[in-house]
């Protein structure tokens, strides 16, 4: 398990918000932790997969999409807060996220 600091959490949040702002063509300051990525931004599952791959590359993680999918069955991504929390867990636990 990797330690997650406030700096890493902020870096993850910024990466996610920057990504959604660019891909969904909205201003970053229009996105809040309560924003629903699908309903409010029009994001889709391919964008989410791309974000997972970006995160894996950025932090040198070996992530299996199957592990993320199993986790998401237990914890759906309804707000940006959920997305940020999940990516922090991906950083911390990698493929062991399923057991969290």
Protein backbone atom coordinates (compact mmCIF):
# COMPACT_ATOMS: atom_id res chain seq x y z
CA UNK A 1 0.00 0.00 0.00
CA UNK A 2 1.25 3.47 -0.91
CA UNK A 3 0.92 6.36 1.48
CA UNK A 4 -1.34 9.13 0.25
CA UNK A 5 -0.52 12.66 1.36
CA UNK A 6 -2.57 15.83 1.05
CA UNK A 7 -0.25 16.87 -1.78
CA UNK A 8 -0.93 13.64 -3.69
CA UNK A 9 -4.69 14.01 -3.10
CA UNK A 10 -4.56 17.55 -4.49
CA UNK A 11 -2.47 16.43 -7.46
CA UNK A 12 -5.00 13.67 -8.22
CA UNK A 13 -7.93 16.08 -7.88
CA UNK A 14 -6.27 18.64 -10.16
CA UNK A 15 -5.45 15.98 -12.75
CA UNK A 16 -9.06 14.74 -12.77
CA UNK A 17 -10.61 18.22 -12.92
CA UNK A 18 -8.18 19.32 -15.67
CA UNK A 19 -8.98 16.18 -17.66
CA UNK A 20 -12.76 16.58 -17.42
CA UNK A 21 -12.58 20.31 -18.17
CA UNK A 22 -10.60 19.67 -21.33
CA UNK A 23 -12.48 16.59 -22.54
CA UNK A 24 -15.95 17.97 -21.76
CA UNK A 25 -15.08 21.48 -22.94
CA UNK A 26 -16.04 23.29 -19.75
CA UNK A 27 -14.14 25.70 -17.54
CA UNK A 28 -12.36 23.95 -14.68
CA UNK A 29 -13.94 26.33 -12.14
CA UNK A 30 -17.40 25.17 -13.27
CA UNK A 31 -16.62 21.69 -11.91
CA UNK A 32 -17.20 21.08 -8.19
CA UNK A 33 -16.93 18.04 -5.97
CA UNK A 34 -20.73 17.69 -6.31
CA UNK A 35 -20.68 17.68 -10.13
CA UNK A 36 -22.01 14.46 -11.68
CA UNK A 37 -19.52 13.49 -14.42
CA UNK A 38 -22.09 11.74 -16.61
CA UNK A 39 -25.16 13.95 -16.16
CA UNK A 40 -23.53 17.35 -15.71
CA UNK A 41 -20.48 16.97 -17.96
CA UNK A 42 -21.62 14.36 -20.47
CA UNK A 43 -18.66 12.05 -19.81
CA UNK A 44 -18.67 8.41 -20.81
CA UNK A 45 -16.96 5.17 -19.85
CA UNK A 46 -14.22 5.57 -22.49
CA UNK A 47 -13.19 8.86 -20.93
CA UNK A 48 -13.06 7.14 -17.56
CA UNK A 49 -10.83 4.35 -18.94
CA UNK A 50 -8.53 6.96 -20.47
CA UNK A 51 -8.30 8.71 -17.10
CA UNK A 52 -7.38 5.41 -15.42
CA UNK A 53 -4.63 4.86 -18.00
CA UNK A 54 -3.33 8.42 -17.49
CA UNK A 55 -3.23 7.87 -13.74
CA UNK A 56 -1.41 4.55 -14.12
CA UNK A 57 1.20 6.19 -16.37
CA UNK A 58 1.62 9.26 -14.18
CA UNK A 59 2.17 7.31 -10.96
CA UNK A 60 3.78 4.14 -12.37
CA UNK A 61 0.86 1.88 -11.42
CA UNK A 62 -0.10 -1.48 -12.87
CA UNK A 63 -3.90 -1.32 -12.89
CA UNK A 64 -6.28 -3.94 -14.19
CA UNK A 65 -9.58 -2.52 -15.44
CA UNK A 66 -11.32 -5.62 -14.09
CA UNK A 67 -10.29 -4.65 -10.55
CA UNK A 68 -11.61 -1.12 -11.03
CA UNK A 69 -14.86 -2.47 -12.49
CA UNK A 70 -15.42 -4.74 -9.49
CA UNK A 71 -14.82 -1.85 -7.12
CA UNK A 72 -17.23 0.38 -9.04
CA UNK A 73 -20.00 -2.18 -8.62
CA UNK A 74 -19.74 -1.51 -4.87
CA UNK A 75 -19.06 2.21 -5.12
CA UNK A 76 -20.66 3.93 -8.14
CA UNK A 77 -19.18 7.22 -9.35
CA UNK A 78 -22.03 9.70 -8.90
CA UNK A 79 -20.05 12.85 -8.09
CA UNK A 80 -16.58 14.19 -8.70
CA UNK A 81 -15.97 13.58 -5.00
CA UNK A 82 -16.57 9.85 -5.64
CA UNK A 83 -14.21 9.94 -8.61
CA UNK A 84 -11.44 11.68 -6.67
CA UNK A 85 -11.87 9.28 -3.75
CA UNK A 86 -11.67 6.27 -6.05
CA UNK A 87 -8.53 7.54 -7.77
CA UNK A 88 -6.92 8.14 -4.38
CA UNK A 89 -7.73 4.51 -3.54
CA UNK A 90 -6.30 3.38 -6.88
CA UNK A 91 -3.11 5.24 -5.97
CA UNK A 92 -3.03 3.70 -2.49
CA UNK A 93 -4.15 0.13 -3.16
CA UNK A 94 -3.68 -0.54 -6.89
CA UNK A 95 -5.46 -3.73 -7.88
CA UNK A 96 -6.26 -4.44 -4.22
CA UNK A 97 -8.89 -1.68 -4.48
CA UNK A 98 -11.44 -4.49 -4.85
CA UNK A 99 -10.96 -5.36 -1.18
CA UNK A 100 -11.53 -1.79 0.07
